[in-house]
Amino acid sequence: MSQYRDIVWQSLWKNNPGIVQLLGLCPLLAVTNTLTNALGLGIATMVVLFGSNVLVSLLRKGIPNEIRIPVYVMIIAALVTCVQLLVNAYAYGLYLSLGIFLPLIVTNCVIIGRAEAFASKNNVALAAWDGLMMGLGFTVVLALLGGTRELLGQGTLFDGAELLLGPWASALRIELFQLDSPFLLALLPPGAFIAMGLLIAAKNQVNDKVEALFAPKPEQAKPVERVRVTN
């Protein structure tokens, strides 16, 4: 169980692929202008990451070392194609909104990195758990960025939720405040870089405070007693 707990800690906080490893920044910054887009891409990435870890772990002993990377890429590409077809069939609006960044999941460094560094060296259960948690950690960062940018840019949350969940989800849209015109800096790519930097800074600040809180306190020096010697 300690291995599973360590994977959770590494994936969600200490070694998060989004704000620590800084992997997959292209889709991370490009499509997180709304919370709906961020969740859609995050869930798609999580499914591919989970499936690729499982398949690589199952096939690891039969893949020649010399061609392992091309084989991993083929596995990932096949899974991405399946996910792309499913999104096209059941969430066509989201498919149009994500655009080229959905098939570009194939080149996401998080997925190929976990296949090479973890799934190819561990059993199926651990590989599946690692894929699920790493995907969840990536999705959480996407959701935080998407929610922050959407809130600052247009004062809403879950705008366009029906693209992801169907017509009934239009009721999920929350308008927290009204803007005369959208705040474009938050919605455009420069706003994504600023929000990402603030998110990384906040995490580092929390780390520093936690380390300072649990750091061992230096022992106070004991006063030295002086002995006076008389003849």
C-alpha atoms as a PDB file:
ATOM      1  CA  MET A   1       0.000   0.000   0.000  1.00  0.00           C
ATOM      2  CA  SER A   2       2.920   2.348   0.606  1.00  0.00           C
ATOM      3  CA  GLN A   3       3.746   2.242  -3.103  1.00  0.00           C
ATOM      4  CA  TYR A   4       0.212   3.272  -4.024  1.00  0.00           C
ATOM      5  CA  ARG A   5       0.239   6.119  -1.491  1.00  0.00           C
ATOM      6  CA  ASP A   6       3.588   7.299  -2.789  1.00  0.00           C
ATOM      7  CA  ILE A   7       2.241   7.342  -6.364  1.00  0.00           C
ATOM      8  CA  VAL A   8      -0.693   9.494  -5.225  1.00  0.00           C
ATOM      9  CA  TRP A   9       1.620  11.929  -3.419  1.00  0.00           C
ATOM     10  CA  GLN A  10       4.046  12.121  -6.347  1.00  0.00           C
ATOM     11  CA  SER A  11       1.318  12.515  -8.990  1.00  0.00           C
ATOM     12  CA  LEU A  12      -0.907  15.062  -7.303  1.00  0.00           C
ATOM     13  CA  TRP A  13       1.663  17.228  -5.563  1.00  0.00           C
ATOM     14  CA  LYS A  14       5.382  16.523  -5.298  1.00  0.00           C
ATOM     15  CA  ASN A  15       6.024  15.505  -8.916  1.00  0.00           C
ATOM     16  CA  ASN A  16       2.874  16.777 -10.637  1.00  0.00           C
ATOM     17  CA  PRO A  17       3.347  16.593 -14.423  1.00  0.00           C
ATOM     18  CA  GLY A  18       1.823  20.016 -15.000  1.00  0.00           C
ATOM     19  CA  ILE A  19       3.300  22.361 -12.401  1.00  0.00           C
ATOM     20  CA  VAL A  20       6.466  20.480 -11.383  1.00  0.00           C
ATOM     21  CA  GLN A  21       7.682  18.526 -14.405  1.00  0.00           C
ATOM     22  CA  LEU A  22       6.183  21.172 -16.744  1.00  0.00           C
ATOM     23  CA  LEU A  23       5.290  18.550 -19.349  1.00  0.00           C
ATOM     24  CA  GLY A  24       2.563  18.921 -21.962  1.00  0.00           C
ATOM     25  CA  LEU A  25       2.627  22.716 -21.777  1.00  0.00           C
ATOM     26  CA  CYS A  26       1.332  23.214 -25.324  1.00  0.00           C
ATOM     27  CA  PRO A  27      -2.211  21.880 -24.710  1.00  0.00           C
ATOM     28  CA  LEU A  28      -1.996  22.929 -21.065  1.00  0.00           C
ATOM     29  CA  LEU A  29      -1.792  26.590 -22.061  1.00  0.00           C
ATOM     30  CA  ALA A  30      -3.641  26.569 -25.369  1.00  0.00           C
ATOM     31  CA  VAL A  31      -7.095  25.163 -24.554  1.00  0.00           C
ATOM     32  CA  THR A  32      -7.589  26.142 -20.917  1.00  0.00           C
ATOM     33  CA  ASN A  33      -9.573  29.296 -21.705  1.00  0.00           C
ATOM     34  CA  THR A  34     -12.676  27.622 -20.215  1.00  0.00           C
ATOM     35  CA  LEU A  35     -13.194  25.033 -17.516  1.00  0.00           C
ATOM     36  CA  THR A  36     -15.157  22.812 -19.932  1.00  0.00           C
ATOM     37  CA  ASN A  37     -12.334  22.649 -22.468  1.00  0.00           C
ATOM     38  CA  ALA A  38      -9.816  21.992 -19.719  1.00  0.00           C
ATOM     39  CA  LEU A  39     -11.826  19.105 -18.256  1.00  0.00           C
ATOM     40  CA  GLY A  40     -12.462  17.632 -21.712  1.00  0.00           C
ATOM     41  CA  LEU A  41      -8.788  17.563 -22.626  1.00  0.00           C
ATOM     42  CA  GLY A  42      -7.804  16.409 -19.145  1.00  0.00           C
ATOM     43  CA  ILE A  43     -10.196  13.448 -19.170  1.00  0.00           C
ATOM     44  CA  ALA A  44      -9.090  12.448 -22.679  1.00  0.00           C
ATOM     45  CA  THR A  45      -5.440  12.598 -21.602  1.00  0.00           C
ATOM     46  CA  MET A  46      -6.186  10.577 -18.467  1.00  0.00           C
ATOM     47  CA  VAL A  47      -7.893   7.822 -20.473  1.00  0.00           C
ATOM     48  CA  VAL A  48      -4.966   7.597 -22.898  1.00  0.00           C
ATOM     49  CA  LEU A  49      -2.406   7.664 -20.072  1.00  0.00           C
ATOM     50  CA  PHE A  50      -4.221   4.922 -18.165  1.00  0.00           C
ATOM     51  CA  GLY A  51      -4.613   2.727 -21.261  1.00  0.00           C
ATOM     52  CA  SER A  52      -1.042   3.184 -22.464  1.00  0.00           C
ATOM     53  CA  ASN A  53       0.406   2.357 -19.042  1.00  0.00           C
ATOM     54  CA  VAL A  54      -1.660  -0.829 -18.852  1.00  0.00           C
ATOM     55  CA  LEU A  55      -0.751  -1.982 -22.363  1.00  0.00           C
ATOM     56  CA  VAL A  56       2.945  -1.150 -22.013  1.00  0.00           C
ATOM     57  CA  SER A  57       3.113  -3.006 -18.694  1.00  0.00           C
ATOM     58  CA  LEU A  58       1.356  -6.037 -20.200  1.00  0.00           C
ATOM     59  CA  LEU A  59       3.636  -6.137 -23.238  1.00  0.00           C
ATOM     60  CA  ARG A  60       6.884  -4.976 -21.642  1.00  0.00           C
ATOM     61  CA  LYS A  61       8.575  -8.383 -21.649  1.00  0.00           C
ATOM     62  CA  GLY A  62       7.776  -8.989 -25.315  1.00  0.00           C
ATOM     63  CA  ILE A  63       8.936  -5.611 -26.674  1.00  0.00           C
ATOM     64  CA  PRO A  64      12.572  -5.591 -27.887  1.00  0.00           C
ATOM     65  CA  ASN A  65      14.574  -2.917 -26.133  1.00  0.00           C
ATOM     66  CA  GLU A  66      15.852  -1.458 -29.421  1.00  0.00           C
ATOM     67  CA  ILE A  67      12.371  -0.539 -30.712  1.00  0.00           C
ATOM     68  CA  ARG A  68      10.540   0.124 -27.463  1.00  0.00           C
ATOM     69  CA  ILE A  69       9.973   3.870 -28.063  1.00  0.00           C
ATOM     70  CA  PRO A  70       8.364   3.418 -31.536  1.00  0.00           C
ATOM     71  CA  VAL A  71       6.169   0.661 -30.101  1.00  0.00           C
ATOM     72  CA  TYR A  72       5.098   2.928 -27.232  1.00  0.00           C
ATOM     73  CA  VAL A  73       4.237   5.689 -29.706  1.00  0.00           C
ATOM     74  CA  MET A  74       2.167   3.259 -31.798  1.00  0.00           C
ATOM     75  CA  ILE A  75       0.241   2.144 -28.709  1.00  0.00           C
ATOM     76  CA  ILE A  76      -0.406   5.747 -27.669  1.00  0.00           C
ATOM     77  CA  ALA A  77      -1.427   6.751 -31.211  1.00  0.00           C
ATOM     78  CA  ALA A  78      -3.929   3.892 -31.397  1.00  0.00           C
ATOM     79  CA  LEU A  79      -5.485   4.901 -28.075  1.00  0.00           C
ATOM     80  CA  VAL A  80      -5.632   8.572 -29.051  1.00  0.00           C
ATOM     81  CA  THR A  81      -7.381   7.642 -32.303  1.00  0.00           C
ATOM     82  CA  CYS A  82     -10.011   5.685 -30.360  1.00  0.00           C
ATOM     83  CA  VAL A  83     -10.549   8.568 -27.925  1.00  0.00           C
ATOM     84  CA  GLN A  84     -10.738  11.061 -30.809  1.00  0.00           C
ATOM     85  CA  LEU A  85     -13.391   9.011 -32.582  1.00  0.00           C
ATOM     86  CA  LEU A  86     -15.417   8.672 -29.378  1.00  0.00           C
ATOM     87  CA  VAL A  87     -15.289  12.418 -28.703  1.00  0.00           C
ATOM     88  CA  ASN A  88     -16.221  13.089 -32.325  1.00  0.00           C
ATOM     89  CA  ALA A  89     -19.214  10.784 -32.026  1.00  0.00           C
ATOM     90  CA  TYR A  90     -20.548  11.738 -28.588  1.00  0.00           C
ATOM     91  CA  ALA A  91     -19.242  15.280 -27.922  1.00  0.00           C
ATOM     92  CA  TYR A  92     -18.888  16.866 -31.340  1.00  0.00           C
ATOM     93  CA  GLY A  93     -18.973  20.424 -29.981  1.00  0.00           C
ATOM     94  CA  LEU A  94     -16.061  19.656 -27.675  1.00  0.00           C
ATOM     95  CA  TYR A  95     -14.264  17.939 -30.547  1.00  0.00           C
ATOM     96  CA  LEU A  96     -14.491  21.148 -32.584  1.00  0.00           C
ATOM     97  CA  SER A  97     -13.464  23.265 -29.600  1.00  0.00           C
ATOM     98  CA  LEU A  98     -10.342  21.232 -28.800  1.00  0.00           C
ATOM     99  CA  GLY A  99      -9.369  21.044 -32.454  1.00  0.00           C
ATOM    100  CA  ILE A 100      -5.840  19.904 -33.249  1.00  0.00           C
ATOM    101  CA  PHE A 101      -4.923  19.556 -29.583  1.00  0.00           C
ATOM    102  CA  LEU A 102      -6.939  16.351 -29.245  1.00  0.00           C
ATOM    103  CA  PRO A 103      -4.843  14.317 -31.731  1.00  0.00           C
ATOM    104  CA  LEU A 104      -1.722  16.055 -30.387  1.00  0.00           C
ATOM    105  CA  ILE A 105      -2.135  14.038 -27.181  1.00  0.00           C
ATOM    106  CA  VAL A 106       0.047  11.515 -29.025  1.00  0.00           C
ATOM    107  CA  THR A 107       3.036  13.827 -28.574  1.00  0.00           C
ATOM    108  CA  ASN A 108       2.307  14.646 -24.930  1.00  0.00           C
ATOM    109  CA  CYS A 109       5.542  14.068 -23.026  1.00  0.00           C
ATOM    110  CA  VAL A 110       3.645  13.006 -19.909  1.00  0.00           C
ATOM    111  CA  ILE A 111       2.315   9.875 -21.605  1.00  0.00           C
ATOM    112  CA  ILE A 112       5.488   8.681 -23.310  1.00  0.00           C
ATOM    113  CA  GLY A 113       7.473   9.593 -20.197  1.00  0.00           C
ATOM    114  CA  ARG A 114       5.358   7.455 -17.873  1.00  0.00           C
ATOM    115  CA  ALA A 115       5.398   4.563 -20.335  1.00  0.00           C
ATOM    116  CA  GLU A 116       9.192   4.636 -20.446  1.00  0.00           C
ATOM    117  CA  ALA A 117       9.976   5.531 -16.837  1.00  0.00           C
ATOM    118  CA  PHE A 118       7.305   3.553 -14.956  1.00  0.00           C
ATOM    119  CA  ALA A 119       4.966   1.274 -16.909  1.00  0.00           C
ATOM    120  CA  SER A 120       7.789  -0.594 -18.652  1.00  0.00           C
ATOM    121  CA  LYS A 121       9.346  -1.463 -15.271  1.00  0.00           C
ATOM    122  CA  ASN A 122       6.340  -2.335 -13.090  1.00  0.00           C
ATOM    123  CA  ASN A 123       3.375  -4.703 -12.943  1.00  0.00           C
ATOM    124  CA  VAL A 124      -0.025  -3.921 -14.426  1.00  0.00           C
ATOM    125  CA  ALA A 125      -1.686  -2.864 -11.172  1.00  0.00           C
ATOM    126  CA  LEU A 126       0.978  -0.310 -10.290  1.00  0.00           C
ATOM    127  CA  ALA A 127       1.183   0.914 -13.891  1.00  0.00           C
ATOM    128  CA  ALA A 128      -2.589   1.390 -14.068  1.00  0.00           C
ATOM    129  CA  TRP A 129      -2.637   3.262 -10.757  1.00  0.00           C
ATOM    130  CA  ASP A 130       0.260   5.467 -11.866  1.00  0.00           C
ATOM    131  CA  GLY A 131      -1.483   6.280 -15.151  1.00  0.00           C
ATOM    132  CA  LEU A 132      -4.731   7.121 -13.371  1.00  0.00           C
ATOM    133  CA  MET A 133      -3.078   9.338 -10.756  1.00  0.00           C
ATOM    134  CA  MET A 134      -0.737  11.110 -13.187  1.00  0.00           C
ATOM    135  CA  GLY A 135      -3.706  11.751 -15.455  1.00  0.00           C
ATOM    136  CA  LEU A 136      -5.699  13.062 -12.505  1.00  0.00           C
ATOM    137  CA  GLY A 137      -2.851  15.356 -11.476  1.00  0.00           C
ATOM    138  CA  PHE A 138      -2.620  16.721 -15.026  1.00  0.00           C
ATOM    139  CA  THR A 139      -6.411  17.183 -15.165  1.00  0.00           C
ATOM    140  CA  VAL A 140      -6.463  19.062 -11.860  1.00  0.00           C
ATOM    141  CA  VAL A 141      -3.894  21.556 -13.164  1.00  0.00           C
ATOM    142  CA  LEU A 142      -5.877  21.949 -16.390  1.00  0.00           C
ATOM    143  CA  ALA A 143      -9.072  22.539 -14.415  1.00  0.00           C
ATOM    144  CA  LEU A 144      -7.460  25.114 -12.126  1.00  0.00           C
ATOM    145  CA  LEU A 145      -6.074  27.024 -15.089  1.00  0.00           C
ATOM    146  CA  GLY A 146      -9.301  26.764 -17.056  1.00  0.00           C
ATOM    147  CA  GLY A 147     -11.494  27.809 -14.149  1.00  0.00           C
ATOM    148  CA  THR A 148      -9.254  30.739 -13.231  1.00  0.00           C
ATOM    149  CA  ARG A 149      -9.005  32.054 -16.784  1.00  0.00           C
ATOM    150  CA  GLU A 150     -12.719  31.649 -17.470  1.00  0.00           C
ATOM    151  CA  LEU A 151     -13.651  33.347 -14.211  1.00  0.00           C
ATOM    152  CA  LEU A 152     -11.345  36.314 -14.774  1.00  0.00           C
ATOM    153  CA  GLY A 153     -12.041  36.524 -18.490  1.00  0.00           C
ATOM    154  CA  GLN A 154     -15.832  36.345 -18.597  1.00  0.00           C
ATOM    155  CA  GLY A 155     -17.066  35.947 -15.027  1.00  0.00           C
ATOM    156  CA  THR A 156     -18.475  32.433 -15.504  1.00  0.00           C
ATOM    157  CA  LEU A 157     -17.738  28.801 -14.698  1.00  0.00           C
ATOM    158  CA  PHE A 158     -18.726  25.747 -16.775  1.00  0.00           C
ATOM    159  CA  ASP A 159     -19.607  27.849 -19.791  1.00  0.00           C
ATOM    160  CA  GLY A 160     -20.329  25.398 -22.618  1.00  0.00           C
ATOM    161  CA  ALA A 161     -20.657  22.423 -20.257  1.00  0.00           C
ATOM    162  CA  GLU A 162     -23.229  20.960 -22.668  1.00  0.00           C
ATOM    163  CA  LEU A 163     -20.378  20.368 -25.135  1.00  0.00           C
ATOM    164  CA  LEU A 164     -18.879  17.861 -22.710  1.00  0.00           C
ATOM    165  CA  LEU A 165     -21.875  16.354 -20.919  1.00  0.00           C
ATOM    166  CA  GLY A 166     -24.831  16.919 -23.238  1.00  0.00           C
ATOM    167  CA  PRO A 167     -27.751  19.389 -23.404  1.00  0.00           C
ATOM    168  CA  TRP A 168     -28.783  18.870 -19.777  1.00  0.00           C
ATOM    169  CA  ALA A 169     -25.434  20.266 -18.595  1.00  0.00           C
ATOM    170  CA  SER A 170     -26.266  23.789 -19.773  1.00  0.00           C
ATOM    171  CA  ALA A 171     -27.866  24.227 -16.327  1.00  0.00           C
ATOM    172  CA  LEU A 172     -24.407  23.868 -14.756  1.00  0.00           C
ATOM    173  CA  ARG A 173     -23.280  27.236 -16.104  1.00  0.00           C
ATOM    174  CA  ILE A 174     -22.602  29.664 -13.263  1.00  0.00           C
ATOM    175  CA  GLU A 175     -22.354  33.417 -13.837  1.00  0.00           C
ATOM    176  CA  LEU A 176     -20.600  34.941 -10.848  1.00  0.00           C
ATOM    177  CA  PHE A 177     -20.414  38.483 -12.197  1.00  0.00           C
ATOM    178  CA  GLN A 178     -21.125  40.326 -15.424  1.00  0.00           C
ATOM    179  CA  LEU A 179     -18.519  42.008 -17.585  1.00  0.00           C
ATOM    180  CA  ASP A 180     -19.255  44.668 -20.185  1.00  0.00           C
ATOM    181  CA  SER A 181     -16.576  43.085 -22.371  1.00  0.00           C
ATOM    182  CA  PRO A 182     -14.411  39.985 -21.880  1.00  0.00           C
ATOM    183  CA  PHE A 183     -11.033  40.415 -20.194  1.00  0.00           C
ATOM    184  CA  LEU A 184      -8.995  39.247 -23.172  1.00  0.00           C
ATOM    185  CA  LEU A 185      -5.665  38.990 -21.360  1.00  0.00           C
ATOM    186  CA  ALA A 186      -7.064  36.154 -19.244  1.00  0.00           C
ATOM    187  CA  LEU A 187      -8.614  34.351 -22.228  1.00  0.00           C
ATOM    188  CA  LEU A 188      -5.670  34.612 -24.632  1.00  0.00           C
ATOM    189  CA  PRO A 189      -2.413  32.582 -24.404  1.00  0.00           C
ATOM    190  CA  PRO A 190      -0.441  35.311 -22.537  1.00  0.00           C
ATOM    191  CA  GLY A 191      -2.954  35.019 -19.718  1.00  0.00           C
ATOM    192  CA  ALA A 192      -2.300  31.285 -19.586  1.00  0.00           C
ATOM    193  CA  PHE A 193       1.425  31.884 -19.037  1.00  0.00           C
ATOM    194  CA  ILE A 194       0.711  34.400 -16.268  1.00  0.00           C
ATOM    195  CA  ALA A 195      -1.806  32.099 -14.556  1.00  0.00           C
ATOM    196  CA  MET A 196       0.588  29.159 -14.843  1.00  0.00           C
ATOM    197  CA  GLY A 197       3.389  31.173 -13.274  1.00  0.00           C
ATOM    198  CA  LEU A 198       1.161  32.231 -10.381  1.00  0.00           C
ATOM    199  CA  LEU A 199       0.060  28.636  -9.858  1.00  0.00           C
ATOM    200  CA  ILE A 200       3.670  27.412  -9.715  1.00  0.00           C
ATOM    201  CA  ALA A 201       4.586  30.259  -7.350  1.00  0.00           C
ATOM    202  CA  ALA A 202       1.676  29.384  -5.054  1.00  0.00           C
ATOM    203  CA  LYS A 203       2.727  25.740  -4.922  1.00  0.00           C
ATOM    204  CA  ASN A 204       6.331  26.672  -4.129  1.00  0.00           C
ATOM    205  CA  GLN A 205       5.135  29.012  -1.395  1.00  0.00           C
ATOM    206  CA  VAL A 206       3.070  26.246   0.193  1.00  0.00           C
ATOM    207  CA  ASN A 207       6.057  23.878  -0.016  1.00  0.00           C
ATOM    208  CA  ASP A 208       8.313  26.414   1.731  1.00  0.00           C
ATOM    209  CA  LYS A 209       5.798  26.968   4.537  1.00  0.00           C
ATOM    210  CA  VAL A 210       5.269  23.236   5.063  1.00  0.00           C
ATOM    211  CA  GLU A 211       9.013  22.575   5.127  1.00  0.00           C
ATOM    212  CA  ALA A 212       9.538  25.405   7.585  1.00  0.00           C
ATOM    213  CA  LEU A 213       6.716  24.101   9.780  1.00  0.00           C
ATOM    214  CA  PHE A 214       8.067  20.553   9.998  1.00  0.00           C
ATOM    215  CA  ALA A 215      11.770  21.354   9.896  1.00  0.00           C
ATOM    216  CA  PRO A 216      13.631  20.172  13.003  1.00  0.00           C
ATOM    217  CA  LYS A 217      14.368  23.031  15.353  1.00  0.00           C
ATOM    218  CA  PRO A 218      18.050  23.565  16.184  1.00  0.00           C
ATOM    219  CA  GLU A 219      18.942  22.595  19.703  1.00  0.00           C
ATOM    220  CA  GLN A 220      19.727  25.475  21.973  1.00  0.00           C
ATOM    221  CA  ALA A 221      23.260  25.489  23.283  1.00  0.00           C
ATOM    222  CA  LYS A 222      23.500  24.729  26.966  1.00  0.00           C
ATOM    223  CA  PRO A 223      25.195  27.394  29.102  1.00  0.00           C
ATOM    224  CA  VAL A 224      28.747  26.512  29.995  1.00  0.00           C
ATOM    225  CA  GLU A 225      29.425  26.426  33.700  1.00  0.00           C
ATOM    226  CA  ARG A 226      32.691  28.035  34.674  1.00  0.00           C
ATOM    227  CA  VAL A 227      34.626  26.575  37.546  1.00  0.00           C
ATOM    228  CA  ARG A 228      36.897  28.827  39.514  1.00  0.00           C
ATOM    229  CA  VAL A 229      40.002  27.140  40.739  1.00  0.00           C
ATOM    230  CA  THR A 230      41.776  28.593  43.735  1.00  0.00           C
ATOM    231  CA  ASN A 231      45.045  27.551  45.297  1.00  0.00           C
END
